Protein backbone atom coordinates (compact mmCIF):
# COMPACT_ATOMS: atom_id res chain seq x y z
CA UNK A 1 -15.26 4.63 -23.91
CA UNK A 2 -15.94 3.42 -20.47
CA UNK A 3 -13.38 1.36 -18.40
CA UNK A 4 -14.90 -1.02 -15.47
CA UNK A 5 -12.49 -1.10 -12.66
CA UNK A 6 -13.02 -3.42 -9.75
CA UNK A 7 -11.66 -2.01 -6.52
CA UNK A 8 -11.12 -4.18 -3.38
CA UNK A 9 -10.63 -2.99 -0.02
CA UNK A 10 -12.45 0.56 -0.61
CA UNK A 11 -12.77 0.60 3.17
CA UNK A 12 -8.85 1.04 3.79
CA UNK A 13 -6.82 3.71 3.05
CA UNK A 14 -5.51 2.82 -0.34
CA UNK A 15 -9.11 1.73 -1.58
CA UNK A 16 -10.77 4.56 -0.55
CA UNK A 17 -8.25 7.00 -2.41
CA UNK A 18 -8.45 4.93 -5.49
CA UNK A 19 -12.15 5.30 -5.56
CA UNK A 20 -11.66 8.94 -4.87
CA UNK A 21 -9.43 9.38 -7.44
CA UNK A 22 -11.48 7.88 -9.89
CA UNK A 23 -14.44 10.04 -9.11
CA UNK A 24 -12.10 12.73 -9.47
CA UNK A 25 -11.30 11.91 -13.09
CA UNK A 26 -14.65 11.49 -14.29
CA UNK A 27 -15.72 14.91 -13.07
CA UNK A 28 -12.89 16.10 -14.81
CA UNK A 29 -13.14 14.08 -18.11
CA UNK A 30 -15.13 15.24 -21.25
CA UNK A 31 -14.67 11.96 -23.06
CA UNK A 32 -13.39 8.79 -21.30
CA UNK A 33 -15.38 7.37 -18.23
CA UNK A 34 -14.53 5.07 -15.60
CA UNK A 35 -17.16 2.92 -14.26
CA UNK A 36 -15.75 1.87 -10.71
CA UNK A 37 -16.98 -1.43 -8.97
CA UNK A 38 -16.13 -1.16 -5.27
CA UNK A 39 -16.15 -4.70 -3.81
CA UNK A 40 -17.49 -5.22 -0.19
CA UNK A 41 -16.46 -7.90 2.04
CA UNK A 42 -19.89 -9.56 1.44
CA UNK A 43 -19.26 -9.75 -2.14
CA UNK A 44 -15.71 -10.89 -2.18
CA UNK A 45 -14.85 -12.46 1.28
CA UNK A 46 -11.03 -13.16 1.08
CA UNK A 47 -11.00 -15.54 3.68
CA UNK A 48 -13.14 -17.87 1.02
CA UNK A 49 -11.07 -17.75 -1.82
CA UNK A 50 -13.41 -20.25 -3.65
CA UNK A 51 -16.10 -17.63 -3.64
CA UNK A 52 -14.09 -14.87 -5.40
CA UNK A 53 -13.77 -16.12 -8.99
CA UNK A 54 -17.82 -16.06 -9.48
CA UNK A 55 -18.40 -12.56 -8.37
CA UNK A 56 -15.54 -11.59 -10.92
CA UNK A 57 -16.87 -13.19 -13.58
CA UNK A 58 -20.44 -11.75 -13.13
CA UNK A 59 -19.02 -8.23 -12.99
CA UNK A 60 -16.64 -8.64 -15.85
CA UNK A 61 -14.10 -5.45 -14.93
CA UNK A 62 -11.65 -4.69 -17.48
CA UNK A 63 -9.35 -3.63 -14.65
CA UNK A 64 -8.79 -5.29 -10.99
CA UNK A 65 -6.96 -3.07 -8.85
CA UNK A 66 -6.46 -5.17 -5.57
CA UNK A 67 -6.09 -3.29 -2.70
CA UNK A 68 -7.43 -5.32 0.28
CA UNK A 69 -5.06 -7.52 2.22
CA UNK A 70 -4.30 -8.91 5.49
CA UNK A 71 -2.17 -6.37 7.00
CA UNK A 72 -1.93 -6.98 10.88
CA UNK A 73 1.70 -7.83 10.76
CA UNK A 74 2.14 -8.74 14.23
CA UNK A 75 -1.05 -10.92 14.58
CA UNK A 76 -0.17 -12.37 11.56
CA UNK A 77 2.52 -14.44 13.50
CA UNK A 78 -0.26 -16.21 15.25
CA UNK A 79 -2.75 -16.46 12.45
CA UNK A 80 -0.40 -17.70 9.58
CA UNK A 81 -2.92 -19.66 7.76
CA UNK A 82 -5.56 -16.99 7.64
CA UNK A 83 -2.82 -14.52 6.62
CA UNK A 84 -1.74 -16.80 3.59
CA UNK A 85 -5.67 -17.38 2.68
CA UNK A 86 -6.29 -13.89 2.34
CA UNK A 87 -3.02 -12.31 0.89
CA UNK A 88 -1.83 -15.53 -0.99
CA UNK A 89 -4.88 -17.93 -2.02
CA UNK A 90 -7.56 -15.13 -2.47
CA UNK A 91 -5.22 -13.10 -4.63
CA UNK A 92 -4.66 -16.28 -6.67
CA UNK A 93 -8.19 -16.73 -7.30
CA UNK A 94 -8.44 -13.20 -8.15
CA UNK A 95 -5.69 -13.29 -10.63
CA UNK A 96 -7.22 -16.55 -12.22
CA UNK A 97 -10.42 -15.21 -12.95
CA UNK A 98 -8.58 -11.97 -14.21
CA UNK A 99 -7.28 -13.80 -16.74
CA UNK A 100 -10.18 -15.89 -17.63
CA UNK A 101 -12.05 -12.81 -18.70
CA UNK A 102 -9.18 -10.99 -20.05
CA UNK A 103 -9.10 -8.33 -17.37
CA UNK A 104 -5.65 -6.57 -16.01
CA UNK A 105 -4.83 -6.96 -12.50
CA UNK A 106 -2.94 -4.34 -10.28
CA UNK A 107 -1.75 -6.43 -6.78
CA UNK A 108 -0.46 -4.18 -4.21
CA UNK A 109 2.57 -5.59 -2.53
CA UNK A 110 5.13 -4.55 0.16
CA UNK A 111 8.83 -3.94 0.91
CA UNK A 112 8.45 -6.87 3.48
CA UNK A 113 9.14 -9.31 0.47
CA UNK A 114 12.75 -8.21 1.01
CA UNK A 115 15.14 -9.53 4.00
CA UNK A 116 15.78 -5.85 4.98
CA UNK A 117 19.61 -6.17 5.35
CA UNK A 118 22.22 -3.47 4.42
CA UNK A 119 21.83 -0.19 3.13
CA UNK A 120 21.19 -0.07 -0.50
CA UNK A 121 18.26 0.40 -2.30
CA UNK A 122 16.28 -2.71 -3.43
CA UNK A 123 15.66 -3.24 -7.21
CA UNK A 124 12.51 -4.66 -8.28
CA UNK A 125 14.55 -8.05 -9.33
CA UNK A 126 16.63 -8.37 -6.34
CA UNK A 127 16.48 -11.47 -4.45
CA UNK A 128 13.15 -12.08 -2.25
CA UNK A 129 13.70 -13.44 1.31
CA UNK A 130 11.00 -12.01 3.87
CA UNK A 131 11.51 -12.44 7.61
CA UNK A 132 8.20 -12.52 8.84
CA UNK A 133 4.59 -14.08 8.02
CA UNK A 134 3.11 -11.14 6.46
CA UNK A 135 5.74 -10.59 4.06
CA UNK A 136 5.78 -14.31 3.09
CA UNK A 137 2.26 -14.08 2.47
CA UNK A 138 2.82 -11.11 0.03
CA UNK A 139 5.53 -12.89 -1.77
CA UNK A 140 3.52 -15.94 -2.47
CA UNK A 141 0.47 -13.46 -3.45
CA UNK A 142 2.74 -12.11 -5.94
CA UNK A 143 3.99 -15.49 -7.45
CA UNK A 144 0.28 -16.34 -7.79
CA UNK A 145 -0.09 -13.13 -9.71
CA UNK A 146 2.58 -13.79 -12.09
CA UNK A 147 1.69 -17.58 -12.48
CA UNK A 148 -1.76 -16.77 -13.27
CA UNK A 149 -1.59 -14.11 -15.76
CA UNK A 150 0.93 -11.70 -18.03
CA UNK A 151 -1.31 -8.56 -18.01
CA UNK A 152 -0.39 -7.59 -14.27
CA UNK A 153 1.18 -4.65 -12.50
CA UNK A 154 2.97 -5.50 -8.99
CA UNK A 155 3.34 -2.49 -7.06
CA UNK A 156 5.48 -2.72 -3.68
CA UNK A 157 4.64 0.08 -1.31
CA UNK A 158 5.87 0.74 2.22
CA UNK A 159 4.89 2.80 5.45
CA UNK A 160 1.41 3.37 4.14
CA UNK A 161 -0.81 6.58 5.41
CA UNK A 162 -4.14 7.92 4.45
CA UNK A 163 -7.22 9.54 5.74
CA UNK A 164 -9.45 6.46 5.74
CA UNK A 165 -7.66 4.09 8.17
CA UNK A 166 -4.94 3.88 11.47
CA UNK A 167 -1.28 4.63 10.31
CA UNK A 168 1.77 5.80 11.99
CA UNK A 169 1.43 9.50 11.38
CA UNK A 170 -2.18 9.34 12.69
CA UNK A 171 -0.88 7.35 15.97
CA UNK A 172 1.82 9.94 16.70
CA UNK A 173 -0.88 13.02 16.18
CA UNK A 174 -3.03 10.92 18.70
CA UNK A 175 -0.49 10.42 21.19
CA UNK A 176 0.83 14.38 21.08
CA UNK A 177 -2.57 14.99 23.00
CA UNK A 178 -1.51 12.99 26.29
CA UNK A 179 2.41 12.79 25.97
CA UNK A 180 5.12 15.32 26.18
CA UNK A 181 7.74 12.79 25.05
CA UNK A 182 8.00 9.66 23.05
CA UNK A 183 10.73 7.14 22.07
CA UNK A 184 10.77 6.10 18.36
CA UNK A 185 12.78 3.55 16.58
CA UNK A 186 15.68 4.92 14.40
CA UNK A 187 17.31 2.12 13.07
CA UNK A 188 14.45 1.16 10.37
CA UNK A 189 14.96 2.83 7.26
CA UNK A 190 12.30 3.40 4.62
CA UNK A 191 9.76 5.78 2.75
CA UNK A 192 6.34 6.61 3.29
CA UNK A 193 3.62 6.07 1.04
CA UNK A 194 0.74 8.84 0.86
CA UNK A 195 -2.45 6.96 -0.91
CA UNK A 196 -3.69 10.08 -2.31
CA UNK A 197 -0.15 10.23 -4.25
CA UNK A 198 -0.45 6.58 -5.05
CA UNK A 199 -3.67 6.34 -6.22
CA UNK A 200 -3.42 8.22 -9.55
CA UNK A 201 -0.28 6.27 -10.40
CA UNK A 202 -2.19 2.89 -10.15
CA UNK A 203 -5.03 4.40 -12.31
CA UNK A 204 -2.30 5.40 -14.93
CA UNK A 205 -0.41 2.32 -14.84
CA UNK A 206 -4.11 0.56 -15.62
CA UNK A 207 -4.75 2.62 -18.56
CA UNK A 208 -1.08 1.03 -20.22
CA UNK A 209 0.21 -2.21 -21.01
CA UNK A 210 3.32 -1.65 -19.23
CA UNK A 211 3.09 -4.64 -17.26
CA UNK A 212 5.64 -5.82 -14.25
CA UNK A 213 6.71 -4.98 -11.09
CA UNK A 214 7.37 -1.78 -9.61
CA UNK A 215 8.06 0.18 -6.59
CA UNK A 216 5.94 3.23 -5.41
CA UNK A 217 6.67 5.21 -2.36
CA UNK A 218 7.11 8.88 -1.97
CA UNK A 219 10.38 10.11 -2.80
CA UNK A 220 13.40 10.30 0.00
CA UNK A 221 13.88 7.99 2.76
CA UNK A 222 13.75 8.55 6.61
CA UNK A 223 13.69 6.41 9.78
CA UNK A 224 10.30 6.31 11.72
CA UNK A 225 12.25 8.61 14.33
CA UNK A 226 12.69 11.12 11.42
CA UNK A 227 9.09 10.88 10.28
CA UNK A 228 7.57 11.50 13.87
CA UNK A 229 10.04 14.58 14.31
CA UNK A 230 9.01 15.81 11.20
CA UNK A 231 5.04 15.08 11.99
CA UNK A 232 5.45 17.00 15.08
CA UNK A 233 7.33 19.83 13.35
CA UNK A 234 4.89 20.41 10.65
CA UNK A 235 1.72 19.85 12.92
CA UNK A 236 3.29 22.34 15.91
CA UNK A 237 3.03 19.74 18.24
CA UNK A 238 5.02 20.21 21.45
CA UNK A 239 6.58 16.76 21.87
CA UNK A 240 10.12 15.76 22.31
CA UNK A 241 11.15 12.53 20.50
CA UNK A 242 14.15 10.37 21.51
CA UNK A 243 15.68 7.92 19.01
CA UNK A 244 15.84 4.29 20.43
CA UNK A 245 17.24 0.78 18.44
CA UNK A 246 14.72 -1.90 17.48
CA UNK A 247 16.11 -3.94 20.42
CA UNK A 248 14.39 -1.73 22.84
CA UNK A 249 10.85 -1.85 21.08
CA UNK A 250 10.01 -5.74 20.88
CA UNK A 251 7.47 -6.63 18.18
CA UNK A 252 5.90 -10.28 17.54
CA UNK A 253 7.13 -10.14 13.95
CA UNK A 254 10.57 -9.19 12.72
CA UNK A 255 10.68 -5.87 10.90
CA UNK A 256 13.04 -4.98 8.23
CA UNK A 257 15.95 -2.50 9.03
CA UNK A 258 16.24 -1.42 5.22
CA UNK A 259 13.38 -0.82 3.39
CA UNK A 260 14.89 1.38 0.93
CA UNK A 261 13.23 0.70 -2.71
CA UNK A 262 14.20 1.79 -6.10
CA UNK A 263 12.25 3.59 -8.51
CA UNK A 264 14.26 2.61 -11.43
CA UNK A 265 11.25 0.23 -12.58
CA UNK A 266 9.02 3.56 -12.57
CA UNK A 267 11.68 5.80 -14.58
CA UNK A 268 12.00 2.85 -17.38
CA UNK A 269 8.60 2.91 -17.88
CA UNK A 270 7.96 6.63 -18.21
CA UNK A 271 5.94 6.47 -14.99
CA UNK A 272 6.12 9.71 -12.82
CA UNK A 273 7.59 9.14 -9.37
CA UNK A 274 5.46 10.26 -6.44
CA UNK A 275 6.35 13.61 -4.64
CA UNK A 276 8.64 13.81 -1.60
CA UNK A 277 7.70 12.63 1.63
CA UNK A 278 8.14 15.72 3.54
CA UNK A 279 5.54 17.41 0.94
CA UNK A 280 3.35 14.56 1.52
CA UNK A 281 3.22 14.64 5.14
CA UNK A 282 2.34 18.30 5.03
CA UNK A 283 -0.74 17.74 2.81
CA UNK A 284 -1.59 14.89 4.46
CA UNK A 285 -1.90 16.77 7.91
CA UNK A 286 -3.57 19.51 6.07
CA UNK A 287 -6.25 16.97 4.87
CA UNK A 288 -6.52 15.20 8.42
CA UNK A 289 -7.29 19.00 9.96
CA UNK A 290 -9.55 19.63 6.91
CA UNK A 291 -11.61 16.85 7.92
CA UNK A 292 -11.78 17.43 11.76
CA UNK A 293 -9.30 14.39 12.32
CA UNK A 294 -6.82 16.65 14.07
CA UNK A 295 -6.58 20.15 15.50
CA UNK A 296 -3.89 22.54 14.92
């Protein structure tokens, strides 16, 4: 039996790894097969939501894994309409099309839908109150999905890193080439998410009917400072890292101080949690080294 899966954002970190995981599963399978359709920006221009439903109805996938998004968090403060168009209106059109053809939808959301206060782990049904334009747009996207169809998986992630794009870890490694010391924020706490670990979970979800909202990051929590320290320890880069509060590192958009996400929803549904973030960082650096992105 062949399952048709439409993946958006294939030039980004997560979309790239979802496509790679599909290829891996097809190579290992002797019976079931997945037909992957990677949508380009030309085919699915998210800044033109009115053009999306026609393409989806033509392709008629069984599952849509919607990885594409407007993710320039600081720039979004100056482009709120574009950010909302891509993350909310376009998502709504995709969700409506999924409902019309009977497809499942996997929508990738963010820890930024929460206010980021306190120290406890956020549950999936906790009150949302985003502090920046990006977070609001992703929350509106969540609401559009819930309103349009019941066959949905909303998966909130945070601190994403993968081989096919820019991220904090790669930035730290690049800075290590020219800096002997760095200052990094230590009062924002969350969990990194390795897209190579997340992609299999998304496909596992798509094979079920366990619809709902989930939190999916690598296990354990850290600050950006602690993450940077671990990156340099594992890579062997000789860089001194000094912790600083967020007040000393001004950004256009307000960042949450608490991005701890509870994985109880994964446990309740019988899905496997992602590996510990320390292990994910080690494997990611190995992957970067293997593909020539960094030298160790």
